[in-house]
Structures are given as C-alpha cells and as structure tokens.
C-alpha atoms as a PDB file:
ATOM      1  CA  GLN A   1      -2.220  -1.475  17.035  1.00  0.00           C
ATOM      2  CA  VAL A   2      -1.178  -2.559  13.841  1.00  0.00           C
ATOM      3  CA  GLN A   3      -3.221  -1.627  10.409  1.00  0.00           C
ATOM      4  CA  PHE A   4      -2.922  -2.534   7.000  1.00  0.00           C
ATOM      5  CA  VAL A   5      -4.694  -0.934   4.609  1.00  0.00           C
ATOM      6  CA  GLU A   6      -4.534  -2.584   0.948  1.00  0.00           C
ATOM      7  CA  SER A   7      -5.103  -1.347  -2.071  1.00  0.00           C
ATOM      8  CA  GLY A   8      -4.481  -1.654  -6.005  1.00  0.00           C
ATOM      9  CA  GLY A   9      -6.326  -4.960  -7.093  1.00  0.00           C
ATOM     10  CA  GLY A  10      -8.920  -5.030  -9.990  1.00  0.00           C
ATOM     11  CA  LEU A  11     -10.177  -6.935 -12.985  1.00  0.00           C
ATOM     12  CA  VAL A  12      -7.550  -8.163 -15.588  1.00  0.00           C
ATOM     13  CA  GLN A  13      -7.121 -10.035 -18.418  1.00  0.00           C
ATOM     14  CA  PRO A  14      -5.179 -13.439 -18.059  1.00  0.00           C
ATOM     15  CA  GLY A  15      -1.061 -11.765 -18.634  1.00  0.00           C
ATOM     16  CA  GLY A  16      -1.780  -8.971 -17.146  1.00  0.00           C
ATOM     17  CA  SER A  17      -0.126  -7.051 -14.301  1.00  0.00           C
ATOM     18  CA  LEU A  18      -1.034  -5.356 -11.464  1.00  0.00           C
ATOM     19  CA  SER A  19       0.614  -3.105  -8.802  1.00  0.00           C
ATOM     20  CA  LEU A  20      -0.623  -3.420  -5.042  1.00  0.00           C
ATOM     21  CA  SER A  21      -0.104  -1.425  -2.032  1.00  0.00           C
ATOM     22  CA  CYS A  22       0.031  -1.769   1.732  1.00  0.00           C
ATOM     23  CA  GLU A  23      -0.072   1.067   3.874  1.00  0.00           C
ATOM     24  CA  THR A  24       1.019  -0.511   7.510  1.00  0.00           C
ATOM     25  CA  SER A  25       0.474   2.049  10.817  1.00  0.00           C
ATOM     26  CA  GLY A  26       0.391   1.129  14.849  1.00  0.00           C
ATOM     27  CA  ILE A  27       4.256  -0.665  13.996  1.00  0.00           C
ATOM     28  CA  THR A  28       7.868   0.288  13.625  1.00  0.00           C
ATOM     29  CA  PHE A  29       7.821  -0.673   9.928  1.00  0.00           C
ATOM     30  CA  ARG A  30      11.258  -0.835   9.350  1.00  0.00           C
ATOM     31  CA  ASP A  31      11.741  -3.343  12.285  1.00  0.00           C
ATOM     32  CA  TYR A  32       9.761  -5.938  10.871  1.00  0.00           C
ATOM     33  CA  ASP A  33       9.741  -8.767   8.200  1.00  0.00           C
ATOM     34  CA  MET A  34       6.601  -8.496   5.990  1.00  0.00           C
ATOM     35  CA  GLY A  35       4.813 -10.430   3.739  1.00  0.00           C
ATOM     36  CA  TRP A  36       1.985 -10.796   1.455  1.00  0.00           C
ATOM     37  CA  TYR A  37      -0.595 -13.394   1.649  1.00  0.00           C
ATOM     38  CA  ARG A  38      -3.806 -14.349  -0.764  1.00  0.00           C
ATOM     39  CA  GLN A  39      -7.261 -16.135  -0.268  1.00  0.00           C
ATOM     40  CA  ALA A  40      -8.738 -17.416  -2.801  1.00  0.00           C
ATOM     41  CA  PRO A  41     -12.843 -18.708  -2.964  1.00  0.00           C
ATOM     42  CA  GLY A  42     -13.242 -22.267  -0.814  1.00  0.00           C
ATOM     43  CA  LYS A  43      -9.340 -22.033   0.070  1.00  0.00           C
ATOM     44  CA  GLN A  44      -6.705 -20.982   2.876  1.00  0.00           C
ATOM     45  CA  ARG A  45      -5.015 -18.195   3.017  1.00  0.00           C
ATOM     46  CA  GLU A  46      -1.443 -18.756   2.275  1.00  0.00           C
ATOM     47  CA  LEU A  47       2.031 -16.489   2.511  1.00  0.00           C
ATOM     48  CA  VAL A  48       2.673 -15.641  -1.137  1.00  0.00           C
ATOM     49  CA  VAL A  49       5.590 -13.861  -0.725  1.00  0.00           C
ATOM     50  CA  GLU A  50       7.590 -12.317   2.227  1.00  0.00           C
ATOM     51  CA  VAL A  51      10.742  -9.775   2.602  1.00  0.00           C
ATOM     52  CA  SER A  52      13.016  -9.429   5.423  1.00  0.00           C
ATOM     53  CA  ARG A  53      13.797  -5.854   7.318  1.00  0.00           C
ATOM     54  CA  GLY A  54      16.989  -5.917   4.965  1.00  0.00           C
ATOM     55  CA  GLY A  55      15.142  -6.864   1.848  1.00  0.00           C
ATOM     56  CA  ARG A  56      15.600 -10.352   1.155  1.00  0.00           C
ATOM     57  CA  SER A  57      12.442 -12.383  -0.237  1.00  0.00           C
ATOM     58  CA  ASP A  58      11.111 -15.184  -0.605  1.00  0.00           C
ATOM     59  CA  TYR A  59       8.792 -16.781  -2.830  1.00  0.00           C
ATOM     60  CA  ALA A  60       6.271 -19.101  -2.931  1.00  0.00           C
ATOM     61  CA  ASP A  61       7.043 -21.405  -6.398  1.00  0.00           C
ATOM     62  CA  SER A  62       3.817 -20.585  -7.974  1.00  0.00           C
ATOM     63  CA  VAL A  63       4.571 -16.925  -8.109  1.00  0.00           C
ATOM     64  CA  LYS A  64       8.175 -16.927  -8.292  1.00  0.00           C
ATOM     65  CA  GLY A  65       9.752 -15.171 -11.400  1.00  0.00           C
ATOM     66  CA  ARG A  66       6.326 -13.264 -12.089  1.00  0.00           C
ATOM     67  CA  PHE A  67       5.486 -11.327  -9.186  1.00  0.00           C
ATOM     68  CA  THR A  68       7.902  -9.115  -7.431  1.00  0.00           C
ATOM     69  CA  ILE A  69       7.444  -7.468  -3.728  1.00  0.00           C
ATOM     70  CA  SER A  70       9.308  -4.692  -2.633  1.00  0.00           C
ATOM     71  CA  ARG A  71       8.863  -2.302   0.272  1.00  0.00           C
ATOM     72  CA  ASP A  72       9.314   1.787   1.214  1.00  0.00           C
ATOM     73  CA  ASN A  73      10.539   1.831   5.036  1.00  0.00           C
ATOM     74  CA  ALA A  74      10.072   5.565   4.999  1.00  0.00           C
ATOM     75  CA  LYS A  75       6.448   4.921   3.582  1.00  0.00           C
ATOM     76  CA  ASN A  76       5.763   2.207   6.182  1.00  0.00           C
ATOM     77  CA  THR A  77       4.757   0.702   2.690  1.00  0.00           C
ATOM     78  CA  LEU A  78       4.744  -2.307   1.321  1.00  0.00           C
ATOM     79  CA  TYR A  79       4.431  -3.752  -2.762  1.00  0.00           C
ATOM     80  CA  LEU A  80       3.541  -6.162  -4.649  1.00  0.00           C
ATOM     81  CA  GLN A  81       4.533  -6.039  -8.558  1.00  0.00           C
ATOM     82  CA  MET A  82       2.523  -8.939 -10.188  1.00  0.00           C
ATOM     83  CA  ASN A  83       3.193  -9.662 -14.109  1.00  0.00           C
ATOM     84  CA  SER A  84       1.839 -12.487 -16.413  1.00  0.00           C
ATOM     85  CA  LEU A  85      -1.062 -13.113 -14.137  1.00  0.00           C
ATOM     86  CA  LYS A  86      -2.797 -16.248 -14.355  1.00  0.00           C
ATOM     87  CA  PRO A  87      -6.320 -17.137 -13.673  1.00  0.00           C
ATOM     88  CA  ASP A  88      -5.440 -19.197 -10.155  1.00  0.00           C
ATOM     89  CA  ASP A  89      -4.042 -15.665  -8.849  1.00  0.00           C
ATOM     90  CA  THR A  90      -7.367 -14.674  -8.600  1.00  0.00           C
ATOM     91  CA  ALA A  91      -7.610 -14.029  -4.754  1.00  0.00           C
ATOM     92  CA  VAL A  92      -8.252 -11.250  -2.110  1.00  0.00           C
ATOM     93  CA  TYR A  93      -4.705 -10.635  -1.423  1.00  0.00           C
ATOM     94  CA  TYR A  94      -3.413  -8.957   2.158  1.00  0.00           C
ATOM     95  CA  CYS A  95      -0.075  -7.958   4.052  1.00  0.00           C
ATOM     96  CA  ASN A  96       0.511  -8.582   7.173  1.00  0.00           C
ATOM     97  CA  VAL A  97       3.651  -9.627   9.345  1.00  0.00           C
ATOM     98  CA  PRO A  98       4.484 -13.189   9.253  1.00  0.00           C
ATOM     99  CA  SER A  99       5.509 -13.058  13.098  1.00  0.00           C
ATOM    100  CA  PHE A 100       2.513 -12.050  13.697  1.00  0.00           C
ATOM    101  CA  VAL A 101       0.397 -14.413  12.171  1.00  0.00           C
ATOM    102  CA  ASN A 102       2.697 -17.414  13.005  1.00  0.00           C
ATOM    103  CA  MET A 103       1.304 -15.788  16.816  1.00  0.00           C
ATOM    104  CA  GLY A 104      -2.474 -16.317  15.576  1.00  0.00           C
ATOM    105  CA  SER A 105      -2.663 -12.493  15.191  1.00  0.00           C
ATOM    106  CA  LYS A 106      -6.804 -11.536  14.250  1.00  0.00           C
ATOM    107  CA  ALA A 107      -5.896  -8.480  12.583  1.00  0.00           C
ATOM    108  CA  TRP A 108      -6.055  -7.900   9.164  1.00  0.00           C
ATOM    109  CA  GLY A 109      -6.694  -5.538   6.644  1.00  0.00           C
ATOM    110  CA  GLN A 110      -9.765  -5.646   4.418  1.00  0.00           C
ATOM    111  CA  GLY A 111      -7.678  -6.684   1.641  1.00  0.00           C
ATOM    112  CA  THR A 112      -7.401  -6.221  -2.134  1.00  0.00           C
ATOM    113  CA  GLN A 113      -9.528  -8.220  -4.135  1.00  0.00           C
ATOM    114  CA  VAL A 114      -7.167  -9.648  -7.674  1.00  0.00           C
ATOM    115  CA  THR A 115      -9.669 -11.220 -10.436  1.00  0.00           C
ATOM    116  CA  VAL A 116      -8.039 -12.650 -13.590  1.00  0.00           C
ATOM    117  CA  SER A 117     -10.136 -13.749 -16.426  1.00  0.00           C
ATOM    118  CA  SER A 118     -11.094 -13.094 -19.609  1.00  0.00           C
END
C-alpha cells in the first residue's frame, strides 16, 4: 500500500522560504508522475504543482516563479522549495500521485502545516 510522509513545514514570515520533503513507499516511485497538493482552512484540496517521471513540471499560476518541485528517484523522495511565501500559501501540504488522486484514492499522508504570518 502506498504511503506518504511529508515534513518540513512550519511558521514563516511573509517573504520567507521553506523546503518540504515527502518520503514515499509502496510504489515504484520513478514510474509515477508526482504532485504537491495543499488544503487551506475552509477550502478544497488543490494541486499546486506536479512533476512527470521525466522531470517536467507544471505549476499552478498562484505559485509559478516562487515554488520549485524536484524529485530524487534513488531516495523515493519528492521535494518542494517555497520562496517568497505569502499569507495565502498557508495550508496543509500533501504529496500524492495525481493519477491515484484522479481515480479517487483516499490514501493520503498526514501532511505538513505551512503557516505564513507576521
């Protein structure tokens, strides 16, 4: 069964940076496109960015130019570097496999809280 363990969140001031990690198990990581999602209070979970098996990335307009996704297939780990953070980026961040999510998978990790506030 696929498992995700997200880490790296915290409290940061506007304009600050954070680096998130997601360790994945239960799948052949290198064979899947991967994505970072976030859920803000009172809002639905949204896809922030995804990276293909070949390393091509696709960002939501709201984070383009500020966030960078990367993956280490040898470590089965997904990363998200977040710069120039804004209060609107406050959310719980999760990683997952977009194809699984689109098929209705309920397998999510615990997420990592990112709070951007002065």
